[in-house]
Amino acid sequence: MIQLRQVAKSYRSPAGEVAAVKDIDVEVDAGVIVALVGRSGSGKSTLLNLIGGIDRPSAGSVVVAGTALEALSEARLAQWRGKNVGFVFQFFQLLPTLTAAENVMLAMDFAAAVPVAERRPRAMRLLDDVGLSAHADKLPATLSGGEQQRVAIARALANDPPVLLADEPTGNLDSTTAAAVFGLLRAQARAGKTIVVVTHDEAIASLTDRTLRLVDGRLATPGAPATAAAAVPA
């Protein structure tokens, strides 16, 4: 599902060129959940953005769901991203003036992959899957942090993408709520989705099928490709 070949990404700064990630070679099969760990500044978020098509590599190839992202125009990349990748963030990134259901539907509006008449019913099904259908018409400010993150997961699933990318999805939650949110991500991996989670929480990382450690932009221990058969029970 994810293939990175000699991927590197550099940025220009006032101090000169900064290499955020270097010589990344890794493969991840469908139906697994992978932890991406490392110190701040190690390149975790940069690598996640490359996999999600938010950023482009300076060198190498990023192939996700059978598509070489570096070969796409900006317009095609945006269209591909809306249909193939769901994003979950530490601080939820819900629009405060939209209800929970409307936040989920908004992702469908952008991708236009779900017929208009089916968007509200699909949003309700997704919110029911994460245990929040009763809160569908509430604004994010009236929900707890854990509830907001569950809405964010439902939104990430709105267009049924094969890949979910989560940047510190439990970092703003207490341990009990974090475990519940991780359980939702694990369930999606069991359903066949490929999930990459950036986390500082070693306890969360230990529950994934595979841990990739970044040190100064390089993979410290690439390890063998993760497969669904190697999944660790929750």
Protein backbone atom coordinates (compact mmCIF):
# COMPACT_ATOMS: atom_id res chain seq x y z
CA MET A 1 0.00 0.00 0.00
CA ILE A 2 2.90 2.38 0.78
CA GLN A 3 6.27 2.24 -0.98
CA LEU A 4 9.02 4.79 -0.37
CA ARG A 5 12.19 4.55 -2.47
CA GLN A 6 15.24 6.66 -1.59
CA VAL A 7 12.97 9.45 -0.41
CA ALA A 8 14.55 12.70 0.74
CA LYS A 9 13.10 16.09 1.59
CA SER A 10 15.04 19.31 2.11
CA TYR A 11 13.87 22.81 2.97
CA ARG A 12 15.53 26.16 2.57
CA SER A 13 16.01 28.22 5.70
CA PRO A 14 17.85 31.44 6.56
CA ALA A 15 20.72 29.22 7.75
CA GLY A 16 20.79 27.30 4.46
CA GLU A 17 19.33 24.02 3.25
CA VAL A 18 17.96 21.68 5.92
CA ALA A 19 17.55 17.96 5.18
CA ALA A 20 14.35 16.89 6.99
CA VAL A 21 14.36 13.25 5.81
CA LYS A 22 17.09 11.33 4.01
CA ASP A 23 17.31 8.07 2.06
CA ILE A 24 14.03 6.57 3.29
CA ASP A 25 13.28 3.08 1.95
CA VAL A 26 10.23 1.36 3.41
CA GLU A 27 7.19 -0.70 2.42
CA VAL A 28 3.92 -1.14 4.30
CA ASP A 29 1.22 -3.59 3.23
CA ALA A 30 -2.52 -3.06 3.48
CA GLY A 31 -4.32 -3.76 6.74
CA VAL A 32 -1.57 -2.86 9.20
CA ILE A 33 -1.02 -0.08 11.70
CA VAL A 34 2.48 1.37 11.90
CA ALA A 35 3.94 3.71 14.52
CA LEU A 36 6.36 6.43 13.43
CA VAL A 37 8.40 7.54 16.42
CA GLY A 38 11.35 9.80 17.09
CA ARG A 39 12.39 12.99 18.85
CA SER A 40 11.02 16.38 17.87
CA GLY A 41 12.72 17.46 14.67
CA SER A 42 13.53 13.90 13.60
CA GLY A 43 11.37 14.18 10.46
CA LYS A 44 8.22 12.32 11.53
CA SER A 45 5.68 14.90 10.43
CA THR A 46 7.61 15.58 7.23
CA LEU A 47 7.51 11.89 6.34
CA LEU A 48 3.79 11.72 7.15
CA ASN A 49 3.15 14.73 4.90
CA LEU A 50 5.07 13.07 2.06
CA ILE A 51 3.01 9.89 2.37
CA GLY A 52 -0.20 11.95 2.41
CA GLY A 53 0.70 14.03 -0.62
CA ILE A 54 0.70 17.26 1.39
CA ASP A 55 4.36 17.74 0.50
CA ARG A 56 6.56 16.54 -2.35
CA PRO A 57 9.91 14.75 -2.05
CA SER A 58 13.10 16.52 -3.09
CA ALA A 59 14.32 13.16 -4.34
CA GLY A 60 13.05 9.60 -4.59
CA SER A 61 9.61 8.10 -5.15
CA VAL A 62 6.49 7.97 -2.98
CA VAL A 63 3.94 5.39 -4.17
CA VAL A 64 0.69 5.14 -2.20
CA ALA A 65 -2.31 3.02 -3.20
CA GLY A 66 -0.60 2.31 -6.51
CA THR A 67 -0.02 5.97 -7.45
CA ALA A 68 3.38 7.68 -7.74
CA LEU A 69 2.60 10.97 -6.02
CA GLU A 70 5.55 12.90 -7.43
CA ALA A 71 4.15 12.37 -10.94
CA LEU A 72 0.84 14.14 -10.23
CA SER A 73 0.03 17.79 -10.90
CA GLU A 74 -1.15 19.87 -7.94
CA ALA A 75 -4.77 19.59 -9.06
CA ARG A 76 -4.61 15.82 -9.54
CA LEU A 77 -2.74 15.41 -6.27
CA ALA A 78 -5.46 17.27 -4.36
CA GLN A 79 -8.12 15.09 -5.99
CA TRP A 80 -6.15 11.92 -5.23
CA ARG A 81 -5.61 12.98 -1.62
CA GLY A 82 -9.32 13.60 -1.01
CA LYS A 83 -10.23 10.09 -2.10
CA ASN A 84 -7.27 8.03 -0.86
CA VAL A 85 -6.06 9.49 2.43
CA GLY A 86 -7.81 10.36 5.68
CA PHE A 87 -6.03 12.64 8.16
CA VAL A 88 -6.38 12.69 11.96
CA PHE A 89 -4.60 15.39 13.96
CA GLN A 90 -3.67 15.94 17.60
CA PHE A 91 -5.87 19.02 17.97
CA PHE A 92 -8.79 17.60 15.95
CA GLN A 93 -9.00 20.48 13.40
CA LEU A 94 -12.80 20.48 13.43
CA LEU A 95 -14.53 23.59 12.11
CA PRO A 96 -16.09 25.19 15.22
CA THR A 97 -19.16 26.59 13.46
CA LEU A 98 -20.19 23.22 11.99
CA THR A 99 -21.88 20.40 13.86
CA ALA A 100 -20.25 17.00 14.20
CA ALA A 101 -22.25 15.64 11.26
CA GLU A 102 -21.50 18.71 9.14
CA ASN A 103 -17.76 18.33 9.81
CA VAL A 104 -17.94 14.76 8.53
CA MET A 105 -20.02 15.77 5.52
CA LEU A 106 -17.61 18.57 4.65
CA ALA A 107 -14.94 16.01 3.73
CA MET A 108 -17.43 14.42 1.32
CA ASP A 109 -18.25 17.83 -0.16
CA PHE A 110 -14.58 18.47 -0.97
CA ALA A 111 -13.94 15.10 -2.62
CA ALA A 112 -17.36 14.81 -4.30
CA ALA A 113 -16.99 11.03 -4.09
CA VAL A 114 -20.32 10.49 -2.30
CA PRO A 115 -23.64 11.56 -3.92
CA VAL A 116 -25.18 14.57 -2.19
CA ALA A 117 -28.29 12.68 -1.05
CA GLU A 118 -26.15 10.03 0.64
CA ARG A 119 -23.83 12.34 2.58
CA ARG A 120 -25.94 12.95 5.70
CA PRO A 121 -26.89 9.24 6.07
CA ARG A 122 -23.25 8.23 5.61
CA ALA A 123 -22.10 10.80 8.18
CA MET A 124 -24.64 9.41 10.66
CA ARG A 125 -23.42 5.84 10.05
CA LEU A 126 -19.80 6.88 10.60
CA LEU A 127 -20.67 8.77 13.78
CA ASP A 128 -22.58 5.72 14.97
CA ASP A 129 -19.47 3.60 14.29
CA VAL A 130 -17.47 5.80 16.66
CA GLY A 131 -20.29 5.95 19.22
CA LEU A 132 -21.36 9.54 18.61
CA SER A 133 -24.57 9.46 16.57
CA ALA A 134 -26.42 11.01 19.51
CA HIS A 135 -24.12 14.03 19.29
CA ALA A 136 -24.38 14.49 15.51
CA ASP A 137 -25.97 17.94 15.72
CA LYS A 138 -23.74 19.34 18.45
CA LEU A 139 -20.94 21.85 17.88
CA PRO A 140 -17.36 20.72 18.65
CA ALA A 141 -17.07 23.09 21.63
CA THR A 142 -19.80 21.13 23.43
CA LEU A 143 -17.90 17.84 23.07
CA SER A 144 -15.05 16.46 25.16
CA GLY A 145 -11.57 16.06 23.68
CA GLY A 146 -12.08 12.35 23.19
CA GLU A 147 -15.43 12.93 21.51
CA GLN A 148 -13.92 15.53 19.18
CA GLN A 149 -11.18 13.10 18.20
CA ARG A 150 -13.77 10.45 17.43
CA VAL A 151 -15.56 12.93 15.19
CA ALA A 152 -12.21 13.59 13.51
CA ILE A 153 -11.79 9.86 12.88
CA ALA A 154 -15.28 9.68 11.38
CA ARG A 155 -14.38 12.62 9.15
CA ALA A 156 -11.15 10.90 8.09
CA LEU A 157 -13.24 7.89 7.02
CA ALA A 158 -15.82 9.98 5.15
CA ASN A 159 -14.64 9.03 1.65
CA ASP A 160 -13.60 5.48 2.60
CA PRO A 161 -9.87 6.05 1.95
CA PRO A 162 -7.50 3.05 1.96
CA VAL A 163 -4.93 4.97 4.05
CA LEU A 164 -5.30 6.82 7.37
CA LEU A 165 -2.52 9.10 8.61
CA ALA A 166 -2.66 10.18 12.24
CA ASP A 167 -0.31 12.84 13.66
CA GLU A 168 -0.20 12.46 17.46
CA PRO A 169 -3.91 11.50 17.57
CA THR A 170 -3.76 10.65 21.28
CA GLY A 171 -1.31 13.34 22.37
CA ASN A 172 -4.01 15.65 23.72
CA LEU A 173 -5.99 12.94 25.53
CA ASP A 174 -5.82 11.22 28.90
CA SER A 175 -4.59 7.62 28.92
CA THR A 176 -8.04 6.01 29.09
CA THR A 177 -9.44 8.11 26.26
CA ALA A 178 -6.23 7.61 24.25
CA ALA A 179 -6.61 3.84 24.52
CA ALA A 180 -10.21 4.08 23.28
CA VAL A 181 -9.21 6.24 20.31
CA PHE A 182 -6.37 3.88 19.43
CA GLY A 183 -8.86 1.02 19.57
CA LEU A 184 -10.91 2.74 16.86
CA LEU A 185 -7.80 3.03 14.68
CA ARG A 186 -6.95 -0.62 15.31
CA ALA A 187 -10.45 -1.61 14.22
CA GLN A 188 -9.91 0.22 10.93
CA ALA A 189 -6.69 -1.69 10.33
CA ARG A 190 -8.55 -4.92 10.94
CA ALA A 191 -11.07 -3.78 8.33
CA GLY A 192 -8.24 -3.52 5.79
CA LYS A 193 -7.07 0.09 6.02
CA THR A 194 -3.40 0.98 6.27
CA ILE A 195 -2.65 3.33 9.17
CA VAL A 196 0.47 5.31 10.00
CA VAL A 197 0.50 6.91 13.45
CA VAL A 198 3.04 9.51 14.56
CA THR A 199 3.33 9.20 18.32
CA HIS A 200 5.61 10.03 21.26
CA ASP A 201 3.75 7.49 23.40
CA GLU A 202 5.77 4.28 23.60
CA ALA A 203 2.77 2.50 25.10
CA ILE A 204 0.72 3.30 21.99
CA ALA A 205 3.64 2.41 19.70
CA SER A 206 3.96 -0.99 21.40
CA LEU A 207 0.39 -1.84 20.34
CA THR A 208 1.03 -1.31 16.63
CA ASP A 209 2.14 -3.97 14.15
CA ARG A 210 5.44 -2.25 13.50
CA THR A 211 7.49 0.67 14.79
CA LEU A 212 9.62 2.84 12.51
CA ARG A 213 12.14 5.03 14.35
CA LEU A 214 13.47 8.19 12.81
CA VAL A 215 16.78 9.64 13.99
CA ASP A 216 17.96 12.86 12.33
CA GLY A 217 15.77 12.20 9.31
CA ARG A 218 16.84 8.60 8.74
CA LEU A 219 15.19 5.31 9.63
CA ALA A 220 17.17 3.82 12.50
CA THR A 221 15.87 0.28 12.16
CA PRO A 222 13.80 -0.22 8.99
CA GLY A 223 12.92 -3.84 9.82
CA ALA A 224 10.89 -6.21 7.65
CA PRO A 225 7.81 -5.08 5.73
CA ALA A 226 4.68 -5.08 7.86
CA THR A 227 1.86 -7.37 6.75
CA ALA A 228 -1.65 -8.00 7.97
CA ALA A 229 -0.62 -11.51 9.00
CA ALA A 230 1.91 -10.01 11.40
CA ALA A 231 -0.68 -7.91 13.21
CA VAL A 232 -0.43 -7.79 16.99
CA PRO A 233 -3.74 -8.27 18.80
CA ALA A 234 -5.06 -5.19 20.56
